[in-house]
């Protein structure tokens, strides 16, 4: 049997290299990724007009594992990149008092279910904004994992990693990690504007 050969399309080459970050992320693109997240988080995690949220980027790019016992993970991906948004959450009294209120409280919903839905709204807004700059973006549904999975983040060898502390109403503290794997060079810009509206969406990717 003869061996046939063919030219591998560029998209397939990128898909074959999805386990490694082969591209570079410009400083402008790094700022844009952080801004996309902070705008979306402000819209999705402020549940009422009287709520406030402070988001601070932690210094450095060395991955530090926050102490929270659970993580909620969502993925946004295209042919050029894969972006993991990891929320580090603790089912404590302060978190329950804030997130399990109103309709969620009367329905008796579990804390992690409610937060996963809010995380989905946040990443849905991120996906829509990134889709303005990159074609064919898709988003996973949220999945909840134990913090013991965190060491595997280093195995992804991200081209860019940033961590953020989120303080809501001076009473609820959680952290988020953005892990960006680039399969080609990334350079795009987002101008600081009012936070995007975080409407809910579920996409299978």
Protein backbone atom coordinates (compact mmCIF):
# COMPACT_ATOMS: atom_id res chain seq x y z
CA UNK A 1 0.00 0.00 0.00
CA UNK A 2 1.43 3.35 -1.03
CA UNK A 3 1.75 6.21 1.39
CA UNK A 4 -0.06 9.35 0.39
CA UNK A 5 1.09 12.75 1.55
CA UNK A 6 -0.80 16.00 1.88
CA UNK A 7 -0.19 19.54 3.00
CA UNK A 8 -1.47 20.04 6.56
CA UNK A 9 -3.62 23.18 6.81
CA UNK A 10 -2.45 25.84 9.26
CA UNK A 11 -5.52 25.31 11.46
CA UNK A 12 -4.71 21.62 11.83
CA UNK A 13 -1.11 22.43 12.75
CA UNK A 14 -2.39 24.66 15.54
CA UNK A 15 -4.76 21.95 16.73
CA UNK A 16 -1.90 19.45 16.84
CA UNK A 17 0.02 21.83 19.08
CA UNK A 18 -2.83 22.49 21.56
CA UNK A 19 -0.87 21.08 24.51
CA UNK A 20 1.90 23.69 24.31
CA UNK A 21 2.07 27.47 24.27
CA UNK A 22 4.10 28.17 21.15
CA UNK A 23 3.14 31.82 20.70
CA UNK A 24 4.04 35.08 22.39
CA UNK A 25 1.54 37.41 24.07
CA UNK A 26 2.29 41.13 23.75
CA UNK A 27 2.08 43.48 26.72
CA UNK A 28 -0.91 45.14 25.07
CA UNK A 29 -2.69 41.79 24.77
CA UNK A 30 -1.90 40.93 28.40
CA UNK A 31 -3.51 44.15 29.56
CA UNK A 32 -6.48 43.46 27.31
CA UNK A 33 -7.04 39.97 28.74
CA UNK A 34 -6.98 41.33 32.29
CA UNK A 35 -9.36 44.13 31.33
CA UNK A 36 -11.80 41.73 29.66
CA UNK A 37 -11.89 39.72 32.88
CA UNK A 38 -12.27 42.63 35.30
CA UNK A 39 -15.06 44.23 33.23
CA UNK A 40 -16.97 40.95 33.04
CA UNK A 41 -16.43 40.09 36.72
CA UNK A 42 -17.73 43.48 37.85
CA UNK A 43 -20.93 42.95 35.87
CA UNK A 44 -21.50 39.30 36.78
CA UNK A 45 -20.55 39.22 40.47
CA UNK A 46 -22.18 42.45 41.65
CA UNK A 47 -25.65 41.09 42.35
CA UNK A 48 -27.36 44.36 43.24
CA UNK A 49 -27.03 48.11 42.65
CA UNK A 50 -25.70 48.60 46.20
CA UNK A 51 -22.96 45.99 45.92
CA UNK A 52 -19.32 46.91 45.31
CA UNK A 53 -16.38 44.88 44.06
CA UNK A 54 -12.67 45.65 44.17
CA UNK A 55 -10.44 43.66 41.84
CA UNK A 56 -6.67 43.78 42.33
CA UNK A 57 -4.13 42.00 40.15
CA UNK A 58 -1.59 40.16 42.27
CA UNK A 59 2.06 40.95 41.43
CA UNK A 60 4.22 38.59 39.41
CA UNK A 61 3.44 35.72 37.07
CA UNK A 62 4.47 32.82 39.29
CA UNK A 63 1.43 30.65 39.98
CA UNK A 64 0.42 30.75 43.66
CA UNK A 65 -2.28 28.37 44.84
CA UNK A 66 -4.95 30.22 46.88
CA UNK A 67 -6.19 28.29 49.94
CA UNK A 68 -9.83 27.90 48.79
CA UNK A 69 -10.96 24.27 48.76
CA UNK A 70 -12.80 24.31 45.41
CA UNK A 71 -12.22 25.74 41.96
CA UNK A 72 -14.73 26.58 39.25
CA UNK A 73 -13.12 26.34 35.82
CA UNK A 74 -14.30 27.62 32.45
CA UNK A 75 -12.47 27.54 29.12
CA UNK A 76 -12.64 29.94 26.20
CA UNK A 77 -10.79 28.76 23.11
CA UNK A 78 -10.17 29.45 19.44
CA UNK A 79 -7.63 28.27 16.91
CA UNK A 80 -5.14 30.78 18.32
CA UNK A 81 -5.48 30.39 22.08
CA UNK A 82 -7.03 28.68 25.05
CA UNK A 83 -7.94 30.78 28.08
CA UNK A 84 -8.77 29.11 31.38
CA UNK A 85 -10.61 31.24 33.93
CA UNK A 86 -10.28 29.60 37.35
CA UNK A 87 -12.31 30.90 40.28
CA UNK A 88 -10.99 29.83 43.69
CA UNK A 89 -14.03 29.69 46.00
CA UNK A 90 -14.84 28.66 49.55
CA UNK A 91 -18.30 27.63 50.67
CA UNK A 92 -18.17 29.71 53.85
CA UNK A 93 -20.79 31.73 55.67
CA UNK A 94 -19.81 35.05 54.09
CA UNK A 95 -20.02 33.57 50.60
CA UNK A 96 -23.37 31.94 51.27
CA UNK A 97 -24.82 35.13 52.76
CA UNK A 98 -23.85 37.06 49.64
CA UNK A 99 -24.44 34.62 46.79
CA UNK A 100 -27.38 32.66 48.24
CA UNK A 101 -29.86 35.44 48.58
CA UNK A 102 -33.09 36.35 46.91
CA UNK A 103 -34.26 33.76 44.41
CA UNK A 104 -31.30 31.44 45.03
CA UNK A 105 -32.11 31.29 48.76
CA UNK A 106 -35.80 30.58 48.31
CA UNK A 107 -35.07 27.87 45.76
CA UNK A 108 -32.68 26.12 48.17
CA UNK A 109 -29.90 25.96 45.61
CA UNK A 110 -26.37 24.84 46.52
CA UNK A 111 -23.64 27.46 46.77
CA UNK A 112 -21.38 25.91 44.11
CA UNK A 113 -24.27 25.58 41.65
CA UNK A 114 -25.12 29.25 42.05
CA UNK A 115 -21.51 30.38 41.76
CA UNK A 116 -20.92 28.18 38.70
CA UNK A 117 -23.85 29.92 37.01
CA UNK A 118 -22.41 33.35 37.85
CA UNK A 119 -18.99 32.23 36.61
CA UNK A 120 -20.66 31.14 33.39
CA UNK A 121 -22.21 34.59 33.00
CA UNK A 122 -18.82 36.20 33.58
CA UNK A 123 -17.04 34.04 31.01
CA UNK A 124 -19.93 34.43 28.57
CA UNK A 125 -19.29 38.18 28.58
CA UNK A 126 -15.55 37.53 28.15
CA UNK A 127 -16.24 35.20 25.24
CA UNK A 128 -18.38 37.77 23.46
CA UNK A 129 -15.72 40.47 23.85
CA UNK A 130 -12.89 38.19 22.69
CA UNK A 131 -15.06 37.07 19.78
CA UNK A 132 -14.88 40.62 18.45
CA UNK A 133 -11.13 40.14 17.96
CA UNK A 134 -10.75 36.41 17.21
CA UNK A 135 -12.90 34.20 14.97
CA UNK A 136 -14.50 30.94 16.04
CA UNK A 137 -14.29 31.30 19.83
CA UNK A 138 -16.13 28.74 21.93
CA UNK A 139 -16.76 28.36 25.64
CA UNK A 140 -17.08 25.35 27.91
CA UNK A 141 -19.72 24.87 30.55
CA UNK A 142 -18.44 25.40 34.11
CA UNK A 143 -17.00 22.48 36.00
CA UNK A 144 -16.18 22.26 39.71
CA UNK A 145 -12.94 20.61 40.82
CA UNK A 146 -11.02 20.09 44.03
CA UNK A 147 -8.06 22.38 44.70
CA UNK A 148 -5.75 19.34 44.43
CA UNK A 149 -6.05 19.76 40.64
CA UNK A 150 -4.25 23.12 40.77
CA UNK A 151 -0.67 21.81 40.30
CA UNK A 152 -1.66 20.73 36.77
CA UNK A 153 -1.97 24.40 35.79
CA UNK A 154 1.82 24.52 35.60
CA UNK A 155 1.78 21.59 33.16
CA UNK A 156 -0.08 23.77 30.65
CA UNK A 157 2.99 26.03 30.39
CA UNK A 158 0.86 29.13 29.76
CA UNK A 159 2.21 32.00 27.70
CA UNK A 160 0.59 34.38 30.18
CA UNK A 161 -0.76 33.88 33.69
CA UNK A 162 -2.31 36.45 35.99
CA UNK A 163 -4.03 36.17 39.37
CA UNK A 164 -6.58 38.51 40.90
CA UNK A 165 -8.08 39.13 44.33
CA UNK A 166 -11.78 39.99 44.33
CA UNK A 167 -13.25 41.75 47.38
CA UNK A 168 -17.04 42.11 47.42
CA UNK A 169 -18.69 44.48 49.90
CA UNK A 170 -15.61 44.26 52.17
CA UNK A 171 -16.89 40.88 53.35
CA UNK A 172 -16.46 38.28 50.62
CA UNK A 173 -12.99 37.49 49.26
CA UNK A 174 -12.21 35.15 46.39
CA UNK A 175 -9.44 34.75 43.85
CA UNK A 176 -9.29 34.16 40.12
CA UNK A 177 -6.52 32.84 37.90
CA UNK A 178 -6.30 33.56 34.16
CA UNK A 179 -4.23 30.96 32.32
CA UNK A 180 -3.64 31.81 28.66
CA UNK A 181 -2.07 29.29 26.28
CA UNK A 182 -1.19 30.81 22.90
CA UNK A 183 -0.76 28.76 19.73
CA UNK A 184 0.34 31.79 17.74
CA UNK A 185 1.47 35.32 18.53
CA UNK A 186 -1.33 37.34 20.16
CA UNK A 187 -1.59 41.12 19.99
CA UNK A 188 -4.87 42.99 20.37
CA UNK A 189 -6.18 46.01 22.21
CA UNK A 190 -9.26 46.80 24.25
CA UNK A 191 -9.91 50.36 25.33
CA UNK A 192 -11.10 50.86 28.93
CA UNK A 193 -14.85 51.31 28.83
CA UNK A 194 -17.83 50.67 31.07
CA UNK A 195 -18.17 46.98 32.04
CA UNK A 196 -19.94 44.80 29.51
CA UNK A 197 -23.33 43.38 30.35
CA UNK A 198 -23.02 39.82 31.66
CA UNK A 199 -26.05 38.02 30.30
CA UNK A 200 -26.18 34.29 30.90
CA UNK A 201 -25.17 31.80 28.25
CA UNK A 202 -24.23 28.18 28.07
CA UNK A 203 -22.06 26.96 25.22
CA UNK A 204 -20.75 23.47 24.67
CA UNK A 205 -17.15 23.41 23.47
